[in-house]
N, C-alpha and C. Protein backbone atom coordinates (compact mmCIF):
# COMPACT_ATOMS: atom_id res chain seq x y z
N MET A 1 0.82 -1.12 0.05
CA MET A 1 0.02 0.00 -0.01
C MET A 1 0.89 1.20 -0.03
N SER A 2 0.51 2.25 -0.81
CA SER A 2 1.23 3.41 -0.96
C SER A 2 1.04 4.29 0.40
N VAL A 3 1.99 5.38 0.47
CA VAL A 3 1.85 6.21 1.69
C VAL A 3 0.54 7.06 1.49
N GLU A 4 0.24 7.34 0.20
CA GLU A 4 -0.96 8.13 -0.13
C GLU A 4 -2.19 7.37 0.31
N MET A 5 -2.30 6.14 0.19
CA MET A 5 -3.38 5.29 0.45
C MET A 5 -3.53 5.16 1.91
N GLU A 6 -2.54 5.21 2.76
CA GLU A 6 -2.64 5.01 4.11
C GLU A 6 -3.58 6.05 4.95
N GLY A 7 -3.50 7.28 4.41
CA GLY A 7 -4.17 8.27 5.00
C GLY A 7 -5.56 8.49 4.54
N LYS A 8 -5.87 7.91 3.45
CA LYS A 8 -7.16 8.13 2.87
C LYS A 8 -8.30 7.37 3.40
N HIS A 9 -9.27 8.10 4.07
CA HIS A 9 -10.36 7.33 4.56
C HIS A 9 -11.33 6.88 3.55
N LYS A 10 -11.64 5.69 3.49
CA LYS A 10 -12.75 5.07 2.56
C LYS A 10 -13.95 4.88 3.16
N THR A 11 -15.13 4.92 2.27
CA THR A 11 -16.50 4.62 2.86
C THR A 11 -16.96 3.47 2.02
N ILE A 12 -17.13 2.27 2.64
CA ILE A 12 -17.69 1.09 2.09
C ILE A 12 -19.20 1.13 2.38
N PHE A 13 -19.93 0.97 1.25
CA PHE A 13 -21.48 1.00 1.57
C PHE A 13 -21.89 -0.44 1.36
N LEU A 14 -22.37 -1.12 2.35
CA LEU A 14 -22.67 -2.51 2.33
C LEU A 14 -24.33 -2.47 2.27
N VAL A 15 -24.87 -3.04 1.19
CA VAL A 15 -26.20 -3.12 1.17
C VAL A 15 -26.57 -4.79 1.30
N GLU A 16 -26.99 -5.10 2.46
CA GLU A 16 -27.06 -6.55 2.73
C GLU A 16 -28.32 -6.70 3.79
N ASP A 17 -29.11 -7.63 3.72
CA ASP A 17 -30.28 -7.81 4.53
C ASP A 17 -30.00 -8.81 5.63
N ASN A 18 -29.03 -9.63 5.41
CA ASN A 18 -28.72 -10.75 6.31
C ASN A 18 -27.86 -10.27 7.36
N LYS A 19 -28.30 -10.23 8.66
CA LYS A 19 -27.50 -9.73 9.77
C LYS A 19 -26.28 -10.54 10.11
N ALA A 20 -26.30 -11.75 9.74
CA ALA A 20 -25.15 -12.66 9.94
C ALA A 20 -24.04 -12.26 8.89
N ASP A 21 -24.55 -12.06 7.69
CA ASP A 21 -23.43 -11.72 6.64
C ASP A 21 -22.80 -10.26 6.93
N ILE A 22 -23.75 -9.44 7.40
CA ILE A 22 -23.18 -8.00 7.67
C ILE A 22 -22.14 -8.20 8.63
N ARG A 23 -22.61 -8.84 9.70
CA ARG A 23 -21.45 -9.16 10.85
C ARG A 23 -20.15 -9.82 10.45
N LEU A 24 -20.38 -10.81 9.60
CA LEU A 24 -19.00 -11.45 9.09
C LEU A 24 -18.28 -10.49 8.13
N ILE A 25 -18.88 -9.71 7.23
CA ILE A 25 -18.14 -8.89 6.41
C ILE A 25 -17.48 -7.83 7.23
N GLN A 26 -18.26 -7.25 8.24
CA GLN A 26 -17.56 -6.25 8.99
C GLN A 26 -16.49 -6.84 9.88
N GLU A 27 -16.66 -7.93 10.36
CA GLU A 27 -15.48 -8.63 10.95
C GLU A 27 -14.23 -8.90 10.01
N ALA A 28 -14.55 -9.36 8.89
CA ALA A 28 -13.42 -9.50 7.78
C ALA A 28 -12.64 -8.17 7.57
N LEU A 29 -13.40 -7.13 7.64
CA LEU A 29 -12.79 -5.86 7.34
C LEU A 29 -12.14 -5.20 8.55
N LYS A 30 -12.22 -5.84 9.61
CA LYS A 30 -11.80 -5.18 10.90
C LYS A 30 -10.30 -5.00 10.96
N ASN A 31 -9.52 -5.94 10.28
CA ASN A 31 -8.00 -5.75 10.30
C ASN A 31 -7.67 -5.08 9.11
N SER A 32 -8.35 -4.38 8.41
CA SER A 32 -8.00 -3.64 7.18
C SER A 32 -6.86 -2.63 7.49
N LEU A 33 -5.91 -2.56 6.56
CA LEU A 33 -4.94 -1.49 6.74
C LEU A 33 -5.34 -0.09 6.26
N VAL A 34 -6.48 -0.15 5.54
CA VAL A 34 -7.03 1.17 4.96
C VAL A 34 -8.11 1.57 5.96
N PRO A 35 -7.83 2.88 6.32
CA PRO A 35 -8.81 3.47 7.14
C PRO A 35 -10.14 3.53 6.43
N HIS A 36 -11.21 3.06 7.11
CA HIS A 36 -12.43 3.00 6.44
C HIS A 36 -13.58 3.05 7.43
N GLU A 37 -14.79 3.24 6.95
CA GLU A 37 -15.96 2.93 7.77
C GLU A 37 -16.80 2.19 6.80
N VAL A 38 -17.73 1.32 7.50
CA VAL A 38 -18.61 0.51 6.73
C VAL A 38 -20.05 1.03 7.07
N VAL A 39 -20.77 1.53 6.14
CA VAL A 39 -21.98 2.03 6.38
C VAL A 39 -23.00 0.90 5.64
N THR A 40 -24.03 0.48 6.53
CA THR A 40 -24.87 -0.57 6.14
C THR A 40 -26.37 -0.13 6.05
N VAL A 41 -26.95 -0.59 5.02
CA VAL A 41 -28.46 -0.52 5.08
C VAL A 41 -28.87 -1.90 4.52
N ARG A 42 -30.09 -2.21 4.89
CA ARG A 42 -30.64 -3.62 4.88
C ARG A 42 -31.75 -3.77 3.74
N ASP A 43 -32.06 -2.71 2.89
CA ASP A 43 -32.96 -3.04 1.89
C ASP A 43 -32.71 -2.05 0.72
N GLY A 44 -33.25 -2.28 -0.44
CA GLY A 44 -33.02 -1.51 -1.59
C GLY A 44 -33.64 -0.01 -1.59
N ILE A 45 -34.74 0.14 -0.97
CA ILE A 45 -35.18 1.43 -0.71
C ILE A 45 -34.23 2.39 -0.06
N ASP A 46 -33.77 1.88 1.24
CA ASP A 46 -32.88 2.59 2.00
C ASP A 46 -31.53 2.84 1.24
N ALA A 47 -31.10 1.92 0.39
CA ALA A 47 -29.80 1.97 -0.35
C ALA A 47 -30.05 3.14 -1.33
N MET A 48 -31.09 3.34 -1.98
CA MET A 48 -31.22 4.42 -2.98
C MET A 48 -31.35 5.76 -2.26
N ALA A 49 -32.00 5.77 -1.10
CA ALA A 49 -32.29 7.05 -0.29
C ALA A 49 -30.89 7.47 0.13
N TYR A 50 -30.02 6.52 0.56
CA TYR A 50 -28.57 6.92 1.05
C TYR A 50 -27.81 7.50 -0.05
N LEU A 51 -27.84 6.78 -1.09
CA LEU A 51 -27.04 7.21 -2.37
C LEU A 51 -27.45 8.61 -2.74
N ARG A 52 -28.75 8.79 -2.81
CA ARG A 52 -29.27 9.95 -3.31
C ARG A 52 -29.47 11.16 -2.14
N GLN A 53 -29.04 10.69 -1.01
CA GLN A 53 -28.88 11.77 0.07
C GLN A 53 -30.28 12.28 0.40
N GLU A 54 -31.18 11.33 0.45
CA GLU A 54 -32.65 11.77 0.82
C GLU A 54 -33.00 11.48 2.19
N GLY A 55 -33.99 12.22 2.76
CA GLY A 55 -34.58 12.00 4.02
C GLY A 55 -33.52 11.96 5.13
N GLU A 56 -33.46 10.84 5.95
CA GLU A 56 -32.53 10.71 7.06
C GLU A 56 -31.08 10.55 6.60
N TYR A 57 -30.88 10.35 5.27
CA TYR A 57 -29.49 10.40 4.68
C TYR A 57 -28.96 11.50 4.12
N ALA A 58 -29.62 12.62 4.31
CA ALA A 58 -29.30 14.02 3.66
C ALA A 58 -27.89 14.27 3.83
N ASN A 59 -27.20 13.99 4.80
CA ASN A 59 -25.73 14.24 5.02
C ASN A 59 -24.80 13.00 4.86
N ALA A 60 -25.36 12.10 4.14
CA ALA A 60 -24.64 10.71 3.94
C ALA A 60 -23.34 11.20 2.99
N SER A 61 -22.26 10.40 3.33
CA SER A 61 -21.04 10.62 2.49
C SER A 61 -21.13 9.66 1.28
N ARG A 62 -20.53 10.18 0.26
CA ARG A 62 -20.49 9.35 -1.02
C ARG A 62 -19.60 8.06 -0.65
N PRO A 63 -20.20 6.95 -1.14
CA PRO A 63 -19.24 5.74 -0.88
C PRO A 63 -18.12 5.63 -1.85
N ASP A 64 -17.01 5.05 -1.51
CA ASP A 64 -15.96 4.69 -2.37
C ASP A 64 -16.16 3.43 -3.11
N LEU A 65 -17.00 2.64 -2.47
CA LEU A 65 -17.37 1.17 -2.97
C LEU A 65 -18.68 0.77 -2.40
N ILE A 66 -19.32 0.03 -3.25
CA ILE A 66 -20.70 -0.50 -2.86
C ILE A 66 -20.61 -1.90 -2.98
N LEU A 67 -20.90 -2.64 -1.89
CA LEU A 67 -21.02 -4.17 -1.83
C LEU A 67 -22.53 -4.28 -1.75
N LEU A 68 -22.99 -4.95 -2.89
CA LEU A 68 -24.47 -5.12 -3.05
C LEU A 68 -24.97 -6.60 -3.15
N ASP A 69 -25.77 -6.89 -2.22
CA ASP A 69 -26.48 -8.15 -2.41
C ASP A 69 -27.70 -8.11 -3.35
N LEU A 70 -27.92 -9.18 -4.00
CA LEU A 70 -29.04 -9.15 -5.08
C LEU A 70 -30.34 -9.38 -4.44
N ASN A 71 -30.40 -10.14 -3.46
CA ASN A 71 -31.72 -10.49 -2.88
C ASN A 71 -32.10 -9.64 -1.69
N LEU A 72 -32.72 -8.63 -1.85
CA LEU A 72 -33.13 -7.64 -0.85
C LEU A 72 -34.58 -7.49 -0.64
N PRO A 73 -35.00 -7.03 0.47
CA PRO A 73 -36.36 -6.66 0.61
C PRO A 73 -36.72 -5.32 0.09
N LYS A 74 -38.02 -5.10 -0.16
CA LYS A 74 -38.52 -3.88 -0.60
C LYS A 74 -38.13 -3.52 -2.11
N LYS A 75 -36.92 -3.44 -2.49
CA LYS A 75 -36.44 -3.21 -3.76
C LYS A 75 -35.27 -4.05 -3.95
N ASP A 76 -35.21 -4.96 -4.87
CA ASP A 76 -34.09 -6.05 -4.83
C ASP A 76 -32.83 -5.39 -5.50
N GLY A 77 -31.74 -6.08 -5.26
CA GLY A 77 -30.42 -5.65 -5.75
C GLY A 77 -30.37 -5.39 -7.24
N ARG A 78 -31.22 -6.18 -7.94
CA ARG A 78 -30.96 -6.00 -9.42
C ARG A 78 -31.53 -4.61 -9.78
N GLU A 79 -32.79 -4.21 -9.17
CA GLU A 79 -33.19 -2.84 -9.38
C GLU A 79 -32.30 -1.79 -8.89
N VAL A 80 -31.67 -1.94 -7.70
CA VAL A 80 -30.72 -1.11 -7.14
C VAL A 80 -29.63 -0.79 -8.09
N LEU A 81 -29.01 -1.93 -8.61
CA LEU A 81 -27.91 -1.72 -9.56
C LEU A 81 -28.31 -1.07 -10.72
N ALA A 82 -29.47 -1.39 -11.39
CA ALA A 82 -30.02 -0.66 -12.55
C ALA A 82 -30.15 0.86 -12.35
N GLU A 83 -30.60 1.17 -11.17
CA GLU A 83 -30.73 2.56 -10.85
C GLU A 83 -29.55 3.31 -10.70
N ILE A 84 -28.56 2.70 -10.09
CA ILE A 84 -27.18 3.21 -9.80
C ILE A 84 -26.50 3.46 -11.18
N LYS A 85 -26.53 2.40 -11.99
CA LYS A 85 -25.80 2.62 -13.27
C LYS A 85 -26.46 3.42 -14.29
N ALA A 86 -27.71 3.83 -14.02
CA ALA A 86 -28.50 4.66 -15.02
C ALA A 86 -28.45 6.18 -14.53
N ASP A 87 -27.87 6.38 -13.21
CA ASP A 87 -27.79 7.72 -12.65
C ASP A 87 -26.45 8.19 -12.96
N PRO A 88 -26.39 9.40 -13.70
CA PRO A 88 -25.12 9.98 -14.00
C PRO A 88 -24.24 10.43 -12.78
N ILE A 89 -24.80 10.57 -11.76
CA ILE A 89 -24.01 11.06 -10.49
C ILE A 89 -23.54 9.82 -9.79
N LEU A 90 -24.28 8.71 -9.88
CA LEU A 90 -23.84 7.47 -9.14
C LEU A 90 -23.09 6.47 -9.86
N LYS A 91 -23.17 6.47 -11.14
CA LYS A 91 -22.79 5.28 -12.14
C LYS A 91 -21.19 5.13 -11.87
N ARG A 92 -20.41 6.10 -11.36
CA ARG A 92 -18.97 5.81 -11.39
C ARG A 92 -18.55 5.22 -10.12
N ILE A 93 -19.51 4.98 -9.14
CA ILE A 93 -19.12 4.36 -7.86
C ILE A 93 -18.96 2.99 -8.19
N PRO A 94 -17.95 2.37 -7.82
CA PRO A 94 -17.74 0.78 -8.19
C PRO A 94 -18.76 0.04 -7.32
N VAL A 95 -19.32 -0.91 -8.08
CA VAL A 95 -20.31 -1.75 -7.39
C VAL A 95 -19.82 -3.31 -7.58
N VAL A 96 -19.75 -3.86 -6.46
CA VAL A 96 -19.37 -5.29 -6.41
C VAL A 96 -20.68 -5.94 -5.93
N VAL A 97 -21.28 -6.75 -6.80
CA VAL A 97 -22.37 -7.72 -6.39
C VAL A 97 -21.81 -8.81 -5.55
N LEU A 98 -22.24 -8.86 -4.27
CA LEU A 98 -21.68 -10.02 -3.35
C LEU A 98 -22.83 -10.70 -2.94
N THR A 99 -23.15 -11.99 -3.47
CA THR A 99 -24.50 -12.56 -3.37
C THR A 99 -24.14 -14.02 -3.27
N THR A 100 -25.19 -14.77 -2.71
CA THR A 100 -25.18 -16.19 -2.69
C THR A 100 -25.57 -16.79 -4.06
N SER A 101 -26.17 -16.01 -4.88
CA SER A 101 -26.78 -16.44 -6.22
C SER A 101 -25.63 -16.87 -7.16
N LYS A 102 -25.81 -18.05 -7.80
CA LYS A 102 -24.82 -18.63 -8.71
C LYS A 102 -25.63 -18.68 -10.08
N ASN A 103 -26.80 -18.09 -10.03
CA ASN A 103 -27.76 -18.06 -11.22
C ASN A 103 -27.00 -17.49 -12.37
N GLU A 104 -26.89 -18.18 -13.56
CA GLU A 104 -26.37 -17.53 -14.72
C GLU A 104 -27.06 -16.27 -15.18
N ASP A 105 -28.40 -16.31 -15.03
CA ASP A 105 -29.24 -15.10 -15.44
C ASP A 105 -28.72 -13.88 -14.62
N ASP A 106 -28.49 -14.05 -13.28
CA ASP A 106 -28.19 -12.95 -12.42
C ASP A 106 -26.82 -12.36 -12.83
N ILE A 107 -25.86 -13.37 -13.14
CA ILE A 107 -24.49 -12.92 -13.58
C ILE A 107 -24.60 -12.20 -14.91
N PHE A 108 -25.24 -12.63 -15.82
CA PHE A 108 -25.40 -11.96 -17.21
C PHE A 108 -26.02 -10.67 -16.89
N TYR A 109 -27.16 -10.62 -16.21
CA TYR A 109 -27.93 -9.41 -15.96
C TYR A 109 -27.09 -8.31 -15.34
N SER A 110 -26.32 -8.87 -14.25
CA SER A 110 -25.52 -7.81 -13.53
C SER A 110 -24.42 -7.21 -14.43
N TYR A 111 -23.79 -8.06 -15.32
CA TYR A 111 -22.84 -7.51 -16.20
C TYR A 111 -23.34 -6.63 -17.38
N ASP A 112 -24.66 -6.97 -17.71
CA ASP A 112 -25.34 -6.22 -18.64
C ASP A 112 -25.41 -4.76 -18.20
N LEU A 113 -25.76 -4.68 -16.91
CA LEU A 113 -25.99 -3.46 -16.21
C LEU A 113 -24.56 -2.67 -15.85
N HIS A 114 -23.55 -3.27 -16.25
CA HIS A 114 -22.11 -2.69 -16.05
C HIS A 114 -21.75 -2.83 -14.61
N VAL A 115 -22.18 -3.88 -14.02
CA VAL A 115 -21.47 -4.13 -12.53
C VAL A 115 -20.05 -4.30 -12.76
N ASN A 116 -19.27 -3.83 -11.67
CA ASN A 116 -17.85 -3.79 -11.83
C ASN A 116 -17.24 -5.23 -11.48
N CYS A 117 -17.97 -5.93 -10.64
CA CYS A 117 -17.62 -7.37 -10.60
C CYS A 117 -18.69 -8.09 -9.84
N TYR A 118 -18.79 -9.39 -10.09
CA TYR A 118 -19.83 -10.28 -9.44
C TYR A 118 -19.10 -11.35 -8.65
N ILE A 119 -19.38 -11.54 -7.43
CA ILE A 119 -18.70 -12.35 -6.55
C ILE A 119 -19.74 -13.31 -5.82
N THR A 120 -19.62 -14.50 -5.81
CA THR A 120 -20.54 -15.40 -5.11
C THR A 120 -19.98 -15.61 -3.78
N LYS A 121 -20.79 -15.39 -2.71
CA LYS A 121 -20.42 -15.43 -1.32
C LYS A 121 -20.23 -16.83 -0.99
N SER A 122 -19.25 -17.14 -0.24
CA SER A 122 -19.09 -18.45 0.34
C SER A 122 -19.64 -18.56 1.58
N ARG A 123 -20.14 -19.78 1.95
CA ARG A 123 -20.65 -20.06 3.30
C ARG A 123 -19.52 -20.65 4.18
N ASN A 124 -18.43 -20.80 3.65
CA ASN A 124 -17.29 -21.21 4.37
C ASN A 124 -16.59 -19.92 4.89
N LEU A 125 -16.56 -19.80 6.20
CA LEU A 125 -15.97 -18.59 6.82
C LEU A 125 -14.56 -18.24 6.35
N THR A 126 -13.60 -19.15 6.31
CA THR A 126 -12.35 -18.81 5.84
C THR A 126 -12.37 -18.26 4.43
N GLN A 127 -13.15 -18.89 3.60
CA GLN A 127 -13.19 -18.45 2.19
C GLN A 127 -13.94 -17.08 2.10
N LEU A 128 -14.93 -16.90 2.87
CA LEU A 128 -15.61 -15.63 2.92
C LEU A 128 -14.66 -14.46 3.29
N PHE A 129 -13.88 -14.74 4.39
CA PHE A 129 -12.80 -13.83 4.84
C PHE A 129 -11.77 -13.54 3.71
N GLN A 130 -11.40 -14.60 2.93
CA GLN A 130 -10.54 -14.42 1.80
C GLN A 130 -11.13 -13.56 0.72
N ILE A 131 -12.33 -13.72 0.45
CA ILE A 131 -13.13 -12.96 -0.63
C ILE A 131 -13.13 -11.55 -0.16
N VAL A 132 -13.54 -11.18 1.10
CA VAL A 132 -13.58 -9.80 1.52
C VAL A 132 -12.22 -9.29 1.51
N LYS A 133 -11.17 -9.91 1.98
CA LYS A 133 -9.71 -9.46 1.80
C LYS A 133 -9.41 -9.19 0.42
N SER A 134 -9.70 -9.99 -0.49
CA SER A 134 -9.40 -9.72 -1.97
C SER A 134 -10.12 -8.44 -2.54
N ILE A 135 -11.36 -8.26 -2.06
CA ILE A 135 -12.10 -7.06 -2.41
C ILE A 135 -11.35 -5.89 -1.92
N GLU A 136 -11.04 -5.92 -0.65
CA GLU A 136 -10.29 -4.81 -0.01
C GLU A 136 -8.98 -4.59 -0.64
N ASP A 137 -8.19 -5.57 -0.93
CA ASP A 137 -6.92 -5.37 -1.68
C ASP A 137 -7.02 -4.71 -3.05
N PHE A 138 -8.05 -5.22 -3.79
CA PHE A 138 -8.17 -4.75 -4.99
C PHE A 138 -8.84 -3.44 -5.18
N TRP A 139 -9.92 -3.19 -4.52
CA TRP A 139 -10.78 -2.00 -4.64
C TRP A 139 -10.30 -0.92 -3.65
N LEU A 140 -9.76 -1.20 -2.76
CA LEU A 140 -9.28 -0.03 -1.79
C LEU A 140 -7.77 0.26 -1.86
N CYS A 141 -7.01 -0.75 -2.30
CA CYS A 141 -5.71 -0.55 -2.25
C CYS A 141 -4.90 -0.50 -3.76
N THR A 142 -5.59 -1.15 -4.66
CA THR A 142 -4.99 -1.25 -5.92
C THR A 142 -5.48 -0.25 -6.98
N VAL A 143 -6.80 -0.26 -7.10
CA VAL A 143 -7.36 0.65 -8.18
C VAL A 143 -7.30 2.10 -7.89
N THR A 144 -7.49 2.87 -8.82
CA THR A 144 -7.57 4.37 -8.61
C THR A 144 -9.21 4.50 -8.68
N LEU A 145 -9.77 5.11 -7.85
CA LEU A 145 -11.20 5.28 -7.76
C LEU A 145 -11.45 6.74 -8.14
N PRO A 146 -12.60 6.91 -8.75
CA PRO A 146 -12.94 8.32 -9.18
C PRO A 146 -13.33 9.07 -8.02
N SER A 147 -12.99 10.38 -8.05
CA SER A 147 -13.49 11.31 -6.94
C SER A 147 -14.84 11.69 -7.42
N GLU A 148 -15.43 12.36 -6.60
CA GLU A 148 -16.93 12.89 -6.76
C GLU A 148 -16.89 13.65 -8.10
């Protein structure tokens, strides 16, 4: 990690309805070398309200990375992804679909909507931690992210 990266605070926006998955992802990011905060919402309606800084999220910070589950209540992740990528202000925020779905239709659909990558969550704790570490290494340490 470069010296520049060490001081830059990142916001990871986790859109996930499963409390256990939220806890595991937060735990996996706990030892990150990148200063960060994980902001979590549990449904698609709140996800879009946060990203558009509406209502209770009026002062929300722009995320550096979105981790998006596909199977969400109220508005599913597919709809959220479509809205993000259709919005000229939000479309440059990297979106990683992190889901249990291995459905080929979901994979094709996500890439058709220009998702940045699609990752299937593992139910194996060690593998899940490795996946989250890989996401952190690539998206927070390696790539150059767009500023607002």
